[in-house]
């Protein structure tokens, strides 16, 4: 429905048109100018009350019966309430004009009111049809925008994952660790290479997935945390406690890895200040928490890791990731999703 500043002009014009059509359809026994003018005024008042009342009812229905949640109930309620309201407005205003302003030139007024009620019902059907068409068109456009936004956000998240992992800095650190292991412990070096290959294999395999099981993510984290333990040992600790039920749920791929990377990027890791990262499930949430010991200087980054996680969740659930920072700990809680 029109809700702009020009709607009152449209109401006046529509009221005049409706009055003229009514004079053409019905056989008015006394078609004097006075009756025509009062008929136009009556029609304009009815149009204004119906239009403005419908707008206010629409706001109420939008809160109680949103189209996307209760489409059939919204159709039924809006049709019933709308036709009742429009009929009442038309009958009350018509009777008021007949009694107080200008008597209607009809002998059988009951027939006239019956015609008015039928017109009210038809007007309700027309308004509801336009409303449904408008709502579905708007939702269709919105769904297209959400699909494109989802593609964009997913692409950004994948790019962020690749930047965090498949970059010269990450590769250089792991190659440095590997080169030292080759001379010290060849068996461990072979195991390190195997775990490194699993990390890159998961990165490539999950690149086209919107969701992955928590079980697959935790298997990947075994390899990923192994690399981190070799690199930072004994100054980093991982505490993992995830239930069997939680392993069957879903999360966006690489979400936990981004949170671990975020903790390592912003916190000091040393023998005097070891970093402990806890990963645990609680009901339908996965909690990643670390002790807070911020670095004096932080590595440069785009700062979009946490934002990407939050934005990606918007496409799958109304539940939002929760971020809690205290003086001693930093915690991120991400929702666990049921099977898509």
Protein backbone atom coordinates (compact mmCIF):
# COMPACT_ATOMS: atom_id res chain seq x y z
CA UNK A 1 0.00 0.00 0.00
CA UNK A 2 1.11 3.51 -0.65
CA UNK A 3 2.58 5.08 2.48
CA UNK A 4 4.26 8.16 1.06
CA UNK A 5 3.40 11.84 1.47
CA UNK A 6 1.20 11.80 -1.67
CA UNK A 7 -1.18 9.15 -0.38
CA UNK A 8 -3.84 11.68 0.73
CA UNK A 9 -4.02 13.06 -2.80
CA UNK A 10 -4.45 9.52 -4.07
CA UNK A 11 -7.19 8.98 -1.50
CA UNK A 12 -9.14 12.01 -2.74
CA UNK A 13 -8.78 10.99 -6.37
CA UNK A 14 -9.71 7.39 -5.64
CA UNK A 15 -12.74 8.53 -3.64
CA UNK A 16 -13.96 10.68 -6.53
CA UNK A 17 -13.43 7.86 -9.04
CA UNK A 18 -15.25 5.40 -6.81
CA UNK A 19 -18.19 7.80 -6.42
CA UNK A 20 -18.46 8.32 -10.18
CA UNK A 21 -18.33 4.56 -10.79
CA UNK A 22 -21.00 4.00 -8.17
CA UNK A 23 -23.30 6.49 -9.93
CA UNK A 24 -22.73 4.66 -13.20
CA UNK A 25 -23.36 1.19 -11.76
CA UNK A 26 -26.39 1.99 -9.60
CA UNK A 27 -29.62 3.62 -10.72
CA UNK A 28 -29.90 6.74 -8.58
CA UNK A 29 -33.49 8.02 -8.73
CA UNK A 30 -32.47 11.54 -7.85
CA UNK A 31 -29.17 12.47 -9.46
CA UNK A 32 -29.03 16.11 -8.43
CA UNK A 33 -25.73 17.95 -8.17
CA UNK A 34 -26.15 18.16 -4.40
CA UNK A 35 -26.39 14.38 -4.08
CA UNK A 36 -23.40 13.95 -6.39
CA UNK A 37 -21.23 16.33 -4.33
CA UNK A 38 -22.24 14.78 -1.01
CA UNK A 39 -21.72 11.37 -2.56
CA UNK A 40 -18.16 12.34 -3.55
CA UNK A 41 -17.47 13.71 -0.06
CA UNK A 42 -18.85 10.55 1.49
CA UNK A 43 -16.75 8.40 -0.82
CA UNK A 44 -13.58 10.41 -0.04
CA UNK A 45 -14.13 10.06 3.73
CA UNK A 46 -14.71 6.32 3.38
CA UNK A 47 -11.56 5.98 1.24
CA UNK A 48 -9.43 7.88 3.77
CA UNK A 49 -10.70 5.82 6.71
CA UNK A 50 -10.23 2.52 4.87
CA UNK A 51 -6.78 3.45 3.60
CA UNK A 52 -5.41 4.79 6.89
CA UNK A 53 -7.08 2.07 8.95
CA UNK A 54 -5.67 -0.62 6.70
CA UNK A 55 -2.17 0.83 7.09
CA UNK A 56 -2.46 0.68 10.87
CA UNK A 57 -3.91 -2.82 10.83
CA UNK A 58 -1.06 -3.86 8.53
CA UNK A 59 1.51 -2.73 11.11
CA UNK A 60 -0.26 -4.79 13.76
CA UNK A 61 -0.42 -7.89 11.56
CA UNK A 62 3.26 -7.48 10.61
CA UNK A 63 4.17 -7.85 14.30
CA UNK A 64 1.75 -10.63 15.21
CA UNK A 65 1.54 -12.58 11.94
CA UNK A 66 4.60 -11.92 9.73
CA UNK A 67 4.15 -13.07 6.14
CA UNK A 68 7.28 -15.23 6.16
CA UNK A 69 6.20 -17.12 9.31
CA UNK A 70 2.40 -17.33 9.09
CA UNK A 71 1.38 -16.83 5.44
CA UNK A 72 -1.93 -18.73 5.58
CA UNK A 73 -2.93 -17.33 8.96
CA UNK A 74 -2.04 -13.84 7.73
CA UNK A 75 -4.29 -14.26 4.67
CA UNK A 76 -7.20 -15.50 6.80
CA UNK A 77 -6.84 -12.85 9.53
CA UNK A 78 -6.31 -9.98 7.12
CA UNK A 79 -9.24 -11.05 4.94
CA UNK A 80 -11.62 -11.47 7.89
CA UNK A 81 -10.53 -8.36 9.80
CA UNK A 82 -10.13 -6.27 6.64
CA UNK A 83 -13.54 -7.09 5.18
CA UNK A 84 -15.20 -6.54 8.57
CA UNK A 85 -13.50 -3.19 9.08
CA UNK A 86 -14.20 -1.98 5.54
CA UNK A 87 -17.85 -3.06 5.77
CA UNK A 88 -18.27 -1.27 9.10
CA UNK A 89 -16.69 1.91 7.77
CA UNK A 90 -18.84 1.94 4.65
CA UNK A 91 -22.09 1.13 6.49
CA UNK A 92 -21.48 3.54 9.41
CA UNK A 93 -20.42 6.46 7.21
CA UNK A 94 -23.26 5.82 4.76
CA UNK A 95 -25.83 5.70 7.56
CA UNK A 96 -24.35 8.81 9.16
CA UNK A 97 -24.65 10.74 5.90
CA UNK A 98 -28.16 9.41 5.40
CA UNK A 99 -29.28 10.49 8.86
CA UNK A 100 -27.32 13.68 9.45
CA UNK A 101 -26.19 15.18 6.15
CA UNK A 102 -28.11 14.13 3.05
CA UNK A 103 -30.77 11.41 2.92
CA UNK A 104 -30.16 8.74 0.32
CA UNK A 105 -32.56 8.82 -2.64
CA UNK A 106 -33.56 5.16 -2.26
CA UNK A 107 -36.76 3.53 -1.12
CA UNK A 108 -35.13 0.15 -0.43
CA UNK A 109 -32.14 1.15 1.71
CA UNK A 110 -31.55 -2.42 2.93
CA UNK A 111 -30.78 -3.43 -0.64
CA UNK A 112 -28.40 -0.49 -0.91
CA UNK A 113 -26.59 -1.53 2.28
CA UNK A 114 -26.37 -5.10 1.03
CA UNK A 115 -24.70 -3.81 -2.12
CA UNK A 116 -22.35 -1.71 0.05
CA UNK A 117 -21.38 -4.80 2.09
CA UNK A 118 -20.68 -6.79 -1.07
CA UNK A 119 -18.56 -3.93 -2.39
CA UNK A 120 -16.71 -3.88 0.93
CA UNK A 121 -15.92 -7.58 0.62
CA UNK A 122 -14.74 -7.16 -2.97
CA UNK A 123 -12.58 -4.20 -1.98
CA UNK A 124 -11.07 -6.30 0.81
CA UNK A 125 -10.26 -9.08 -1.66
CA UNK A 126 -8.66 -6.57 -4.03
CA UNK A 127 -6.57 -4.95 -1.27
CA UNK A 128 -5.48 -8.33 0.10
CA UNK A 129 -4.56 -9.58 -3.38
CA UNK A 130 -2.40 -6.51 -3.95
CA UNK A 131 -0.85 -6.91 -0.52
CA UNK A 132 -0.02 -10.58 -1.06
CA UNK A 133 1.45 -9.84 -4.49
CA UNK A 134 3.54 -7.02 -3.06
CA UNK A 135 4.76 -9.11 -0.11
CA UNK A 136 5.77 -12.08 -2.26
CA UNK A 137 7.51 -9.80 -4.74
CA UNK A 138 9.38 -8.08 -1.91
CA UNK A 139 10.40 -11.42 -0.35
CA UNK A 140 11.50 -12.68 -3.75
CA UNK A 141 13.75 -9.66 -4.20
CA UNK A 142 15.02 -10.00 -0.64
CA UNK A 143 15.83 -13.69 -1.14
CA UNK A 144 17.82 -12.85 -4.28
CA UNK A 145 19.78 -10.22 -2.36
CA UNK A 146 20.42 -12.67 0.50
CA UNK A 147 21.69 -15.30 -1.92
CA UNK A 148 24.11 -12.83 -3.47
CA UNK A 149 25.17 -11.57 -0.05
CA UNK A 150 25.67 -15.14 1.11
CA UNK A 151 27.89 -15.85 -1.88
CA UNK A 152 29.87 -12.71 -1.16
CA UNK A 153 30.26 -13.47 2.54
CA UNK A 154 31.23 -17.07 1.83
CA UNK A 155 33.82 -15.95 -0.69
CA UNK A 156 35.20 -13.46 1.83
CA UNK A 157 35.36 -16.15 4.50
CA UNK A 158 37.16 -18.55 2.19
CA UNK A 159 39.59 -15.84 1.20
CA UNK A 160 40.20 -15.05 4.85
CA UNK A 161 40.85 -18.72 5.61
CA UNK A 162 43.31 -18.99 2.76
CA UNK A 163 45.02 -15.76 3.79
CA UNK A 164 45.35 -17.04 7.37
CA UNK A 165 46.77 -20.38 6.35
CA UNK A 166 48.05 -20.60 2.79
CA UNK A 167 50.35 -17.64 2.97
CA UNK A 168 54.14 -17.32 3.00
CA UNK A 169 54.18 -16.53 6.74
CA UNK A 170 52.32 -19.71 7.72
CA UNK A 171 54.25 -21.84 5.27
CA UNK A 172 57.58 -20.35 6.33
CA UNK A 173 56.92 -21.09 10.02
CA UNK A 174 55.97 -24.68 9.33
CA UNK A 175 58.88 -25.24 6.98
CA UNK A 176 61.23 -23.85 9.62
CA UNK A 177 59.84 -26.27 12.18
CA UNK A 178 60.09 -29.12 9.67
CA UNK A 179 63.70 -28.34 8.78
CA UNK A 180 64.70 -28.51 12.44
CA UNK A 181 62.79 -31.76 12.93
CA UNK A 182 64.53 -33.43 9.99
CA UNK A 183 67.86 -33.25 11.84
CA UNK A 184 66.51 -33.96 15.31
CA UNK A 185 63.76 -36.55 14.85
CA UNK A 186 63.07 -37.95 11.39
CA UNK A 187 60.06 -39.98 12.52
CA UNK A 188 58.47 -36.89 14.00
CA UNK A 189 59.30 -34.97 10.83
CA UNK A 190 57.42 -37.56 8.74
CA UNK A 191 54.44 -37.31 11.10
CA UNK A 192 54.62 -33.52 10.88
CA UNK A 193 54.47 -33.69 7.08
CA UNK A 194 51.45 -36.01 7.24
CA UNK A 195 49.60 -33.67 9.58
CA UNK A 196 50.50 -30.66 7.43
CA UNK A 197 49.12 -32.39 4.34
CA UNK A 198 45.87 -33.16 6.20
CA UNK A 199 45.51 -29.48 7.08
CA UNK A 200 45.87 -28.40 3.47
CA UNK A 201 43.62 -31.19 2.24
CA UNK A 202 40.85 -30.06 4.59
CA UNK A 203 41.33 -26.45 3.52
CA UNK A 204 40.84 -27.41 -0.10
CA UNK A 205 37.98 -29.88 0.50
CA UNK A 206 35.99 -27.52 2.71
CA UNK A 207 36.39 -24.55 0.38
CA UNK A 208 33.16 -25.37 -1.45
CA UNK A 209 31.13 -26.39 1.64
CA UNK A 210 28.75 -24.07 3.44
CA UNK A 211 28.49 -26.31 6.50
CA UNK A 212 30.51 -29.18 7.85
CA UNK A 213 29.99 -31.58 10.73
CA UNK A 214 31.68 -30.72 13.99
CA UNK A 215 33.22 -34.19 13.87
CA UNK A 216 35.03 -33.37 10.61
CA UNK A 217 36.10 -30.00 12.02
CA UNK A 218 37.50 -31.64 15.16
CA UNK A 219 39.42 -34.21 13.10
CA UNK A 220 40.95 -31.33 11.16
CA UNK A 221 41.77 -29.56 14.44
CA UNK A 222 43.74 -32.59 15.60
CA UNK A 223 46.14 -32.04 12.73
CA UNK A 224 46.07 -28.25 13.06
CA UNK A 225 46.71 -28.23 16.82
CA UNK A 226 49.48 -30.80 16.34
CA UNK A 227 51.34 -28.31 14.15
CA UNK A 228 50.79 -25.58 16.72
CA UNK A 229 51.97 -27.81 19.58
CA UNK A 230 55.17 -28.64 17.72
CA UNK A 231 55.76 -24.97 16.99
CA UNK A 232 54.93 -23.48 20.41
CA UNK A 233 55.48 -26.44 22.75
CA UNK A 234 55.46 -26.41 25.72
CA UNK A 235 53.94 -22.93 25.90
CA UNK A 236 50.54 -23.67 24.40
CA UNK A 237 47.87 -26.04 25.71
CA UNK A 238 44.61 -27.23 24.22
CA UNK A 239 41.76 -28.52 26.35
CA UNK A 240 39.10 -30.22 24.22
CA UNK A 241 35.87 -31.58 25.65
CA UNK A 242 33.20 -32.14 23.01
CA UNK A 243 30.28 -34.52 23.54
CA UNK A 244 29.32 -37.28 21.10
CA UNK A 245 25.97 -35.59 20.49
CA UNK A 246 27.70 -32.33 19.58
CA UNK A 247 29.91 -34.07 17.03
CA UNK A 248 26.80 -34.81 14.94
CA UNK A 249 25.90 -31.12 14.62
CA UNK A 250 27.09 -28.64 11.99
CA UNK A 251 29.10 -25.42 11.86
CA UNK A 252 30.56 -23.28 9.04
CA UNK A 253 33.91 -24.84 8.09
CA UNK A 254 37.08 -23.34 9.57
CA UNK A 255 35.14 -21.47 12.26
CA UNK A 256 37.07 -22.99 15.16
CA UNK A 257 40.37 -22.62 13.34
CA UNK A 258 39.71 -18.90 12.89
CA UNK A 259 39.02 -18.54 16.61
CA UNK A 260 42.24 -20.38 17.51
CA UNK A 261 44.18 -18.25 15.03
CA UNK A 262 42.62 -15.15 16.55
CA UNK A 263 43.73 -16.20 20.06
CA UNK A 264 47.30 -16.86 18.92
CA UNK A 265 47.46 -13.61 16.97
CA UNK A 266 46.44 -11.38 19.89
CA UNK A 267 48.00 -13.09 22.91
CA UNK A 268 51.53 -13.55 24.20
CA UNK A 269 52.86 -17.11 24.15
CA UNK A 270 55.94 -17.81 26.26
CA UNK A 271 57.20 -19.98 29.09
CA UNK A 272 56.36 -17.18 31.51
CA UNK A 273 52.89 -16.74 30.01
CA UNK A 274 51.65 -19.99 28.42
CA UNK A 275 48.44 -19.80 26.41
CA UNK A 276 45.61 -22.20 27.18
CA UNK A 277 42.81 -22.62 24.65
CA UNK A 278 39.70 -24.47 25.74
CA UNK A 279 37.25 -25.99 23.24
CA UNK A 280 34.09 -27.47 24.75
CA UNK A 281 30.46 -28.09 23.93
CA UNK A 282 27.56 -27.02 26.13
CA UNK A 283 24.11 -28.02 24.90
CA UNK A 284 23.81 -26.52 21.39
CA UNK A 285 26.85 -24.24 21.70
CA UNK A 286 30.55 -24.66 21.04
CA UNK A 287 32.72 -22.52 23.31
CA UNK A 288 36.27 -21.48 22.46
CA UNK A 289 37.96 -19.73 25.35
CA UNK A 290 41.50 -18.60 26.13
CA UNK A 291 43.27 -16.85 28.96
CA UNK A 292 43.79 -13.18 28.11
CA UNK A 293 47.37 -11.92 27.94
CA UNK A 294 47.38 -9.41 25.14
CA UNK A 295 50.53 -8.72 23.17
CA UNK A 296 52.01 -5.27 23.24
CA UNK A 297 52.13 -5.39 19.45
CA UNK A 298 49.60 -7.34 17.38
CA UNK A 299 50.19 -8.80 13.93
CA UNK A 300 48.56 -6.85 11.14
CA UNK A 301 45.30 -8.32 9.92
CA UNK A 302 42.06 -7.40 8.25
CA UNK A 303 40.09 -7.95 11.45
CA UNK A 304 37.31 -9.69 9.54
CA UNK A 305 37.67 -13.18 11.07
CA UNK A 306 35.07 -12.80 13.81
CA UNK A 307 32.86 -10.68 11.54
CA UNK A 308 32.90 -13.37 8.87
CA UNK A 309 31.88 -16.03 11.37
CA UNK A 310 28.96 -13.89 12.59
CA UNK A 311 27.82 -12.98 9.08
CA UNK A 312 27.97 -16.58 7.86
CA UNK A 313 25.76 -17.73 10.73
CA UNK A 314 23.07 -15.24 9.70
CA UNK A 315 22.24 -17.38 6.67
CA UNK A 316 21.56 -20.52 8.72
CA UNK A 317 20.05 -19.46 12.04
CA UNK A 318 18.68 -16.56 14.07
CA UNK A 319 21.07 -17.47 16.87
CA UNK A 320 24.14 -15.25 16.85
CA UNK A 321 27.67 -16.03 18.05
CA UNK A 322 28.33 -14.48 21.44
CA UNK A 323 31.59 -12.79 22.36
CA UNK A 324 32.50 -12.30 26.03
CA UNK A 325 35.69 -10.57 27.17
CA UNK A 326 36.71 -10.23 30.80
CA UNK A 327 39.92 -9.04 32.42
CA UNK A 328 41.31 -12.58 32.44
CA UNK A 329 39.60 -14.49 29.62
CA UNK A 330 38.24 -14.11 26.10
CA UNK A 331 35.39 -16.39 25.07
CA UNK A 332 33.45 -16.92 21.84
CA UNK A 333 30.32 -19.08 21.77
CA UNK A 334 29.16 -20.25 18.37
CA UNK A 335 25.83 -22.04 17.76
CA UNK A 336 25.78 -25.70 16.84
CA UNK A 337 23.34 -26.33 14.00
CA UNK A 338 21.12 -29.29 13.31
CA UNK A 339 21.33 -31.20 10.05
CA UNK A 340 20.50 -28.88 7.10
